[in-house]
Amino acid sequence: MITTPIDPKQFQLHEGDTGSADFQVALLTQRINHLTQHLIANKKDFSSRRGLLKQVAQRRRLLDYLKNTAPERYQKAIKGLGLRR
């Protein structure tokens, strides 16, 4: 499973933005993709698997927040990151 690299900077709302939900979702997606590749090679690394599941849950909460507060930003994030929602 090879994924295209994600540039979180394109999801910033303004220069220097690191706290918006859009940017955090992009950053988490980048980290999730990296951990997924790691776990394919290291099947018994259960502590990293737990960290991956926590990051996936955090991304899910941020996406739910975006969906409820700014549906157009939610759609942009989903399409830009290639997520299946």
PDB file of N, CA and C in Angstrom:
ATOM      1  N   MET A   1       0.835  -1.174   0.000  1.00  0.00           N
ATOM      2  CA  MET A   1       0.000   0.000   0.000  1.00  0.00           C
ATOM      3  C   MET A   1       0.882   1.240   0.000  1.00  0.00           C
ATOM      4  N   ILE A   2       1.050   1.855  -1.137  1.00  0.00           N
ATOM      5  CA  ILE A   2       1.850   3.059  -1.242  1.00  0.00           C
ATOM      6  C   ILE A   2       0.904   4.235  -1.413  1.00  0.00           C
ATOM      7  N   THR A   3       1.054   5.230  -0.551  1.00  0.00           N
ATOM      8  CA  THR A   3       0.198   6.400  -0.611  1.00  0.00           C
ATOM      9  C   THR A   3       1.002   7.603  -1.055  1.00  0.00           C
ATOM     10  N   THR A   4       0.324   8.550  -1.663  1.00  0.00           N
ATOM     11  CA  THR A   4       1.001   9.769  -2.067  1.00  0.00           C
ATOM     12  C   THR A   4       1.261  10.617  -0.832  1.00  0.00           C
ATOM     13  N   PRO A   5       2.388  11.312  -0.803  1.00  0.00           N
ATOM     14  CA  PRO A   5       2.678  12.138   0.367  1.00  0.00           C
ATOM     15  C   PRO A   5       1.683  13.290   0.493  1.00  0.00           C
ATOM     16  N   ILE A   6       1.356  13.602   1.725  1.00  0.00           N
ATOM     17  CA  ILE A   6       0.385  14.659   2.010  1.00  0.00           C
ATOM     18  C   ILE A   6       1.147  15.879   2.502  1.00  0.00           C
ATOM     19  N   ASP A   7       0.801  17.045   1.967  1.00  0.00           N
ATOM     20  CA  ASP A   7       1.396  18.291   2.440  1.00  0.00           C
ATOM     21  C   ASP A   7       0.371  18.992   3.322  1.00  0.00           C
ATOM     22  N   PRO A   8       0.538  18.920   4.650  1.00  0.00           N
ATOM     23  CA  PRO A   8      -0.436  19.547   5.550  1.00  0.00           C
ATOM     24  C   PRO A   8      -0.545  21.057   5.367  1.00  0.00           C
ATOM     25  N   LYS A   9       0.494  21.693   4.814  1.00  0.00           N
ATOM     26  CA  LYS A   9       0.488  23.148   4.658  1.00  0.00           C
ATOM     27  C   LYS A   9      -0.642  23.627   3.751  1.00  0.00           C
ATOM     28  N   GLN A  10      -1.094  22.794   2.838  1.00  0.00           N
ATOM     29  CA  GLN A  10      -2.183  23.226   1.952  1.00  0.00           C
ATOM     30  C   GLN A  10      -3.528  23.284   2.672  1.00  0.00           C
ATOM     31  N   PHE A  11      -3.591  22.764   3.895  1.00  0.00           N
ATOM     32  CA  PHE A  11      -4.830  22.802   4.675  1.00  0.00           C
ATOM     33  C   PHE A  11      -4.826  23.912   5.728  1.00  0.00           C
ATOM     34  N   GLN A  12      -3.758  24.705   5.760  1.00  0.00           N
ATOM     35  CA  GLN A  12      -3.700  25.821   6.697  1.00  0.00           C
ATOM     36  C   GLN A  12      -4.692  26.890   6.265  1.00  0.00           C
ATOM     37  N   LEU A  13      -5.373  27.492   7.235  1.00  0.00           N
ATOM     38  CA  LEU A  13      -6.322  28.554   6.929  1.00  0.00           C
ATOM     39  C   LEU A  13      -5.606  29.877   6.702  1.00  0.00           C
ATOM     40  N   HIS A  14      -4.449  30.064   7.327  1.00  0.00           N
ATOM     41  CA  HIS A  14      -3.621  31.252   7.134  1.00  0.00           C
ATOM     42  C   HIS A  14      -2.176  30.869   7.426  1.00  0.00           C
ATOM     43  N   GLU A  15      -1.253  31.734   7.093  1.00  0.00           N
ATOM     44  CA  GLU A  15       0.161  31.457   7.306  1.00  0.00           C
ATOM     45  C   GLU A  15       0.440  31.243   8.800  1.00  0.00           C
ATOM     46  N   GLY A  16       1.151  30.183   9.120  1.00  0.00           N
ATOM     47  CA  GLY A  16       1.478  29.902  10.512  1.00  0.00           C
ATOM     48  C   GLY A  16       0.388  29.174  11.276  1.00  0.00           C
ATOM     49  N   ASP A  17      -0.678  28.782  10.605  1.00  0.00           N
ATOM     50  CA  ASP A  17      -1.786  28.088  11.250  1.00  0.00           C
ATOM     51  C   ASP A  17      -1.378  26.652  11.567  1.00  0.00           C
ATOM     52  N   THR A  18      -1.405  26.296  12.849  1.00  0.00           N
ATOM     53  CA  THR A  18      -1.110  24.918  13.246  1.00  0.00           C
ATOM     54  C   THR A  18      -2.202  24.327  14.111  1.00  0.00           C
ATOM     55  N   GLY A  19      -3.240  25.103  14.421  1.00  0.00           N
ATOM     56  CA  GLY A  19      -4.241  24.634  15.361  1.00  0.00           C
ATOM     57  C   GLY A  19      -5.595  24.349  14.767  1.00  0.00           C
ATOM     58  N   SER A  20      -5.829  24.726  13.519  1.00  0.00           N
ATOM     59  CA  SER A  20      -7.152  24.500  12.946  1.00  0.00           C
ATOM     60  C   SER A  20      -7.399  23.007  12.777  1.00  0.00           C
ATOM     61  N   ALA A  21      -8.653  22.626  12.816  1.00  0.00           N
ATOM     62  CA  ALA A  21      -9.011  21.211  12.686  1.00  0.00           C
ATOM     63  C   ALA A  21      -8.565  20.666  11.330  1.00  0.00           C
ATOM     64  N   ASP A  22      -8.647  21.482  10.285  1.00  0.00           N
ATOM     65  CA  ASP A  22      -8.236  21.042   8.947  1.00  0.00           C
ATOM     66  C   ASP A  22      -6.761  20.620   8.955  1.00  0.00           C
ATOM     67  N   PHE A  23      -5.926  21.489   9.504  1.00  0.00           N
ATOM     68  CA  PHE A  23      -4.491  21.221   9.542  1.00  0.00           C
ATOM     69  C   PHE A  23      -4.187  20.002  10.415  1.00  0.00           C
ATOM     70  N   GLN A  24      -4.853  19.907  11.565  1.00  0.00           N
ATOM     71  CA  GLN A  24      -4.613  18.777  12.461  1.00  0.00           C
ATOM     72  C   GLN A  24      -5.018  17.458  11.809  1.00  0.00           C
ATOM     73  N   VAL A  25      -6.119  17.454  11.063  1.00  0.00           N
ATOM     74  CA  VAL A  25      -6.553  16.238  10.363  1.00  0.00           C
ATOM     75  C   VAL A  25      -5.507  15.835   9.327  1.00  0.00           C
ATOM     76  N   ALA A  26      -4.988  16.813   8.586  1.00  0.00           N
ATOM     77  CA  ALA A  26      -3.972  16.521   7.570  1.00  0.00           C
ATOM     78  C   ALA A  26      -2.701  15.973   8.216  1.00  0.00           C
ATOM     79  N   LEU A  27      -2.294  16.569   9.324  1.00  0.00           N
ATOM     80  CA  LEU A  27      -1.093  16.109  10.019  1.00  0.00           C
ATOM     81  C   LEU A  27      -1.292  14.697  10.576  1.00  0.00           C
ATOM     82  N   LEU A  28      -2.452  14.446  11.170  1.00  0.00           N
ATOM     83  CA  LEU A  28      -2.740  13.101  11.686  1.00  0.00           C
ATOM     84  C   LEU A  28      -2.785  12.079  10.557  1.00  0.00           C
ATOM     85  N   THR A  29      -3.333  12.451   9.417  1.00  0.00           N
ATOM     86  CA  THR A  29      -3.395  11.533   8.283  1.00  0.00           C
ATOM     87  C   THR A  29      -1.995  11.176   7.816  1.00  0.00           C
ATOM     88  N   GLN A  30      -1.111  12.159   7.789  1.00  0.00           N
ATOM     89  CA  GLN A  30       0.276  11.905   7.415  1.00  0.00           C
ATOM     90  C   GLN A  30       0.926  10.930   8.397  1.00  0.00           C
ATOM     91  N   ARG A  31       0.717  11.141   9.697  1.00  0.00           N
ATOM     92  CA  ARG A  31       1.300  10.260  10.710  1.00  0.00           C
ATOM     93  C   ARG A  31       0.679   8.864  10.660  1.00  0.00           C
ATOM     94  N   ILE A  32      -0.626   8.787  10.408  1.00  0.00           N
ATOM     95  CA  ILE A  32      -1.317   7.498  10.321  1.00  0.00           C
ATOM     96  C   ILE A  32      -0.779   6.693   9.145  1.00  0.00           C
ATOM     97  N   ASN A  33      -0.578   7.349   8.006  1.00  0.00           N
ATOM     98  CA  ASN A  33      -0.036   6.645   6.833  1.00  0.00           C
ATOM     99  C   ASN A  33       1.366   6.117   7.111  1.00  0.00           C
ATOM    100  N   HIS A  34       2.174   6.909   7.802  1.00  0.00           N
ATOM    101  CA  HIS A  34       3.537   6.478   8.141  1.00  0.00           C
ATOM    102  C   HIS A  34       3.496   5.272   9.085  1.00  0.00           C
ATOM    103  N   LEU A  35       2.662   5.340  10.118  1.00  0.00           N
ATOM    104  CA  LEU A  35       2.563   4.228  11.065  1.00  0.00           C
ATOM    105  C   LEU A  35       2.010   2.965  10.408  1.00  0.00           C
ATOM    106  N   THR A  36       1.091   3.145   9.475  1.00  0.00           N
ATOM    107  CA  THR A  36       0.524   1.994   8.772  1.00  0.00           C
ATOM    108  C   THR A  36       1.619   1.254   8.010  1.00  0.00           C
ATOM    109  N   GLN A  37       2.484   2.007   7.336  1.00  0.00           N
ATOM    110  CA  GLN A  37       3.601   1.386   6.621  1.00  0.00           C
ATOM    111  C   GLN A  37       4.536   0.668   7.597  1.00  0.00           C
ATOM    112  N   HIS A  38       4.785   1.279   8.751  1.00  0.00           N
ATOM    113  CA  HIS A  38       5.641   0.665   9.767  1.00  0.00           C
ATOM    114  C   HIS A  38       5.041  -0.653  10.251  1.00  0.00           C
ATOM    115  N   LEU A  39       3.734  -0.665  10.462  1.00  0.00           N
ATOM    116  CA  LEU A  39       3.095  -1.866  11.011  1.00  0.00           C
ATOM    117  C   LEU A  39       2.975  -2.986   9.983  1.00  0.00           C
ATOM    118  N   ILE A  40       3.003  -2.643   8.707  1.00  0.00           N
ATOM    119  CA  ILE A  40       3.023  -3.691   7.685  1.00  0.00           C
ATOM    120  C   ILE A  40       4.328  -4.479   7.794  1.00  0.00           C
ATOM    121  N   ALA A  41       5.420  -3.778   8.049  1.00  0.00           N
ATOM    122  CA  ALA A  41       6.727  -4.427   8.164  1.00  0.00           C
ATOM    123  C   ALA A  41       6.947  -5.053   9.535  1.00  0.00           C
ATOM    124  N   ASN A  42       6.320  -4.506  10.574  1.00  0.00           N
ATOM    125  CA  ASN A  42       6.538  -4.972  11.951  1.00  0.00           C
ATOM    126  C   ASN A  42       5.202  -5.397  12.562  1.00  0.00           C
ATOM    127  N   LYS A  43       4.757  -6.571  12.218  1.00  0.00           N
ATOM    128  CA  LYS A  43       3.418  -7.021  12.592  1.00  0.00           C
ATOM    129  C   LYS A  43       3.217  -7.175  14.099  1.00  0.00           C
ATOM    130  N   LYS A  44       4.287  -7.397  14.856  1.00  0.00           N
ATOM    131  CA  LYS A  44       4.134  -7.645  16.295  1.00  0.00           C
ATOM    132  C   LYS A  44       4.362  -6.403  17.159  1.00  0.00           C
ATOM    133  N   ASP A  45       4.439  -5.244  16.553  1.00  0.00           N
ATOM    134  CA  ASP A  45       4.665  -4.004  17.291  1.00  0.00           C
ATOM    135  C   ASP A  45       3.320  -3.493  17.821  1.00  0.00           C
ATOM    136  N   PHE A  46       2.893  -4.063  18.932  1.00  0.00           N
ATOM    137  CA  PHE A  46       1.552  -3.779  19.445  1.00  0.00           C
ATOM    138  C   PHE A  46       1.440  -2.400  20.087  1.00  0.00           C
ATOM    139  N   SER A  47       2.523  -1.875  20.631  1.00  0.00           N
ATOM    140  CA  SER A  47       2.452  -0.544  21.235  1.00  0.00           C
ATOM    141  C   SER A  47       2.272   0.523  20.157  1.00  0.00           C
ATOM    142  N   SER A  48       2.899   0.339  19.014  1.00  0.00           N
ATOM    143  CA  SER A  48       2.682   1.281  17.910  1.00  0.00           C
ATOM    144  C   SER A  48       1.274   1.134  17.350  1.00  0.00           C
ATOM    145  N   ARG A  49       0.755  -0.077  17.359  1.00  0.00           N
ATOM    146  CA  ARG A  49      -0.616  -0.300  16.889  1.00  0.00           C
ATOM    147  C   ARG A  49      -1.616   0.446  17.774  1.00  0.00           C
ATOM    148  N   ARG A  50      -1.367   0.444  19.082  1.00  0.00           N
ATOM    149  CA  ARG A  50      -2.246   1.171  20.002  1.00  0.00           C
ATOM    150  C   ARG A  50      -2.181   2.672  19.720  1.00  0.00           C
ATOM    151  N   GLY A  51      -0.983   3.184  19.471  1.00  0.00           N
ATOM    152  CA  GLY A  51      -0.834   4.591  19.131  1.00  0.00           C
ATOM    153  C   GLY A  51      -1.543   4.937  17.835  1.00  0.00           C
ATOM    154  N   LEU A  52      -1.483   4.031  16.870  1.00  0.00           N
ATOM    155  CA  LEU A  52      -2.183   4.234  15.597  1.00  0.00           C
ATOM    156  C   LEU A  52      -3.685   4.329  15.821  1.00  0.00           C
ATOM    157  N   LEU A  53      -4.223   3.433  16.628  1.00  0.00           N
ATOM    158  CA  LEU A  53      -5.663   3.438  16.883  1.00  0.00           C
ATOM    159  C   LEU A  53      -6.098   4.715  17.609  1.00  0.00           C
ATOM    160  N   LYS A  54      -5.254   5.219  18.503  1.00  0.00           N
ATOM    161  CA  LYS A  54      -5.566   6.470  19.186  1.00  0.00           C
ATOM    162  C   LYS A  54      -5.569   7.643  18.210  1.00  0.00           C
ATOM    163  N   GLN A  55      -4.636   7.645  17.272  1.00  0.00           N
ATOM    164  CA  GLN A  55      -4.570   8.717  16.282  1.00  0.00           C
ATOM    165  C   GLN A  55      -5.760   8.661  15.330  1.00  0.00           C
ATOM    166  N   VAL A  56      -6.172   7.466  14.951  1.00  0.00           N
ATOM    167  CA  VAL A  56      -7.340   7.316  14.086  1.00  0.00           C
ATOM    168  C   VAL A  56      -8.590   7.842  14.799  1.00  0.00           C
ATOM    169  N   ALA A  57      -8.717   7.543  16.087  1.00  0.00           N
ATOM    170  CA  ALA A  57      -9.872   8.025  16.850  1.00  0.00           C
ATOM    171  C   ALA A  57      -9.852   9.548  16.971  1.00  0.00           C
ATOM    172  N   GLN A  58      -8.671  10.121  17.185  1.00  0.00           N
ATOM    173  CA  GLN A  58      -8.550  11.578  17.280  1.00  0.00           C
ATOM    174  C   GLN A  58      -8.936  12.235  15.955  1.00  0.00           C
ATOM    175  N   ARG A  59      -8.473  11.656  14.848  1.00  0.00           N
ATOM    176  CA  ARG A  59      -8.823  12.194  13.531  1.00  0.00           C
ATOM    177  C   ARG A  59     -10.325  12.111  13.306  1.00  0.00           C
ATOM    178  N   ARG A  60     -10.927  11.005  13.736  1.00  0.00           N
ATOM    179  CA  ARG A  60     -12.373  10.844  13.587  1.00  0.00           C
ATOM    180  C   ARG A  60     -13.125  11.944  14.351  1.00  0.00           C
ATOM    181  N   ARG A  61     -12.694  12.234  15.590  1.00  0.00           N
ATOM    182  CA  ARG A  61     -13.339  13.288  16.374  1.00  0.00           C
ATOM    183  C   ARG A  61     -13.185  14.649  15.710  1.00  0.00           C
ATOM    184  N   LEU A  62     -12.003  14.937  15.188  1.00  0.00           N
ATOM    185  CA  LEU A  62     -11.788  16.222  14.516  1.00  0.00           C
ATOM    186  C   LEU A  62     -12.638  16.326  13.246  1.00  0.00           C
ATOM    187  N   LEU A  63     -12.757  15.237  12.506  1.00  0.00           N
ATOM    188  CA  LEU A  63     -13.590  15.254  11.298  1.00  0.00           C
ATOM    189  C   LEU A  63     -15.067  15.436  11.651  1.00  0.00           C
ATOM    190  N   ASP A  64     -15.512  14.813  12.731  1.00  0.00           N
ATOM    191  CA  ASP A  64     -16.899  15.006  13.169  1.00  0.00           C
ATOM    192  C   ASP A  64     -17.146  16.464  13.541  1.00  0.00           C
ATOM    193  N   TYR A  65     -16.180  17.075  14.225  1.00  0.00           N
ATOM    194  CA  TYR A  65     -16.288  18.487  14.590  1.00  0.00           C
ATOM    195  C   TYR A  65     -16.376  19.350  13.331  1.00  0.00           C
ATOM    196  N   LEU A  66     -15.505  19.092  12.378  1.00  0.00           N
ATOM    197  CA  LEU A  66     -15.524  19.867  11.129  1.00  0.00           C
ATOM    198  C   LEU A  66     -16.844  19.696  10.391  1.00  0.00           C
ATOM    199  N   LYS A  67     -17.348  18.479  10.367  1.00  0.00           N
ATOM    200  CA  LYS A  67     -18.594  18.209   9.654  1.00  0.00           C
ATOM    201  C   LYS A  67     -19.752  18.997  10.260  1.00  0.00           C
ATOM    202  N   ASN A  68     -19.761  19.137  11.579  1.00  0.00           N
ATOM    203  CA  ASN A  68     -20.846  19.833  12.253  1.00  0.00           C
ATOM    204  C   ASN A  68     -20.712  21.349  12.196  1.00  0.00           C
ATOM    205  N   THR A  69     -19.484  21.862  12.146  1.00  0.00           N
ATOM    206  CA  THR A  69     -19.296  23.310  12.213  1.00  0.00           C
ATOM    207  C   THR A  69     -19.048  23.954  10.861  1.00  0.00           C
ATOM    208  N   ALA A  70     -18.343  23.272   9.952  1.00  0.00           N
ATOM    209  CA  ALA A  70     -18.001  23.851   8.650  1.00  0.00           C
ATOM    210  C   ALA A  70     -18.032  22.763   7.582  1.00  0.00           C
ATOM    211  N   PRO A  71     -19.223  22.440   7.072  1.00  0.00           N
ATOM    212  CA  PRO A  71     -19.339  21.335   6.115  1.00  0.00           C
ATOM    213  C   PRO A  71     -18.499  21.510   4.848  1.00  0.00           C
ATOM    214  N   GLU A  72     -18.316  22.750   4.375  1.00  0.00           N
ATOM    215  CA  GLU A  72     -17.529  22.941   3.153  1.00  0.00           C
ATOM    216  C   GLU A  72     -16.042  22.655   3.406  1.00  0.00           C
ATOM    217  N   ARG A  73     -15.538  23.017   4.582  1.00  0.00           N
ATOM    218  CA  ARG A  73     -14.150  22.693   4.925  1.00  0.00           C
ATOM    219  C   ARG A  73     -13.992  21.191   5.127  1.00  0.00           C
ATOM    220  N   TYR A  74     -15.018  20.546   5.674  1.00  0.00           N
ATOM    221  CA  TYR A  74     -15.008  19.093   5.853  1.00  0.00           C
ATOM    222  C   TYR A  74     -14.889  18.394   4.503  1.00  0.00           C
ATOM    223  N   GLN A  75     -15.704  18.813   3.534  1.00  0.00           N
ATOM    224  CA  GLN A  75     -15.665  18.207   2.193  1.00  0.00           C
ATOM    225  C   GLN A  75     -14.315  18.422   1.536  1.00  0.00           C
ATOM    226  N   LYS A  76     -13.740  19.618   1.702  1.00  0.00           N
ATOM    227  CA  LYS A  76     -12.429  19.911   1.124  1.00  0.00           C
ATOM    228  C   LYS A  76     -11.366  19.004   1.739  1.00  0.00           C
ATOM    229  N   ALA A  77     -11.429  18.802   3.058  1.00  0.00           N
ATOM    230  CA  ALA A  77     -10.452  17.954   3.740  1.00  0.00           C
ATOM    231  C   ALA A  77     -10.580  16.500   3.300  1.00  0.00           C
ATOM    232  N   ILE A  78     -11.803  16.008   3.202  1.00  0.00           N
ATOM    233  CA  ILE A  78     -12.038  14.617   2.799  1.00  0.00           C
ATOM    234  C   ILE A  78     -11.508  14.370   1.391  1.00  0.00           C
ATOM    235  N   LYS A  79     -11.831  15.268   0.480  1.00  0.00           N
ATOM    236  CA  LYS A  79     -11.392  15.097  -0.905  1.00  0.00           C
ATOM    237  C   LYS A  79      -9.881  15.277  -1.039  1.00  0.00           C
ATOM    238  N   GLY A  80      -9.327  16.264  -0.339  1.00  0.00           N
ATOM    239  CA  GLY A  80      -7.901  16.534  -0.437  1.00  0.00           C
ATOM    240  C   GLY A  80      -7.036  15.440   0.153  1.00  0.00           C
ATOM    241  N   LEU A  81      -7.538  14.756   1.165  1.00  0.00           N
ATOM    242  CA  LEU A  81      -6.768  13.698   1.827  1.00  0.00           C
ATOM    243  C   LEU A  81      -7.085  12.320   1.281  1.00  0.00           C
ATOM    244  N   GLY A  82      -8.143  12.227   0.492  1.00  0.00           N
ATOM    245  CA  GLY A  82      -8.505  10.925  -0.079  1.00  0.00           C
ATOM    246  C   GLY A  82      -9.085   9.970   0.948  1.00  0.00           C
ATOM    247  N   LEU A  83      -9.840  10.495   1.905  1.00  0.00           N
ATOM    248  CA  LEU A  83     -10.468   9.638   2.920  1.00  0.00           C
ATOM    249  C   LEU A  83     -11.818   9.162   2.424  1.00  0.00           C
ATOM    250  N   ARG A  84     -12.278   8.043   2.933  1.00  0.00           N
ATOM    251  CA  ARG A  84     -13.487   7.398   2.437  1.00  0.00           C
ATOM    252  C   ARG A  84     -14.712   7.722   3.270  1.00  0.00           C
ATOM    253  N   ARG A  85     -15.088   8.927   3.452  1.00  0.00           N
ATOM    254  CA  ARG A  85     -16.310   9.190   4.210  1.00  0.00           C
ATOM    255  C   ARG A  85     -17.328   9.828   3.348  1.00  0.00           C
TER     256      ARG A  85
END
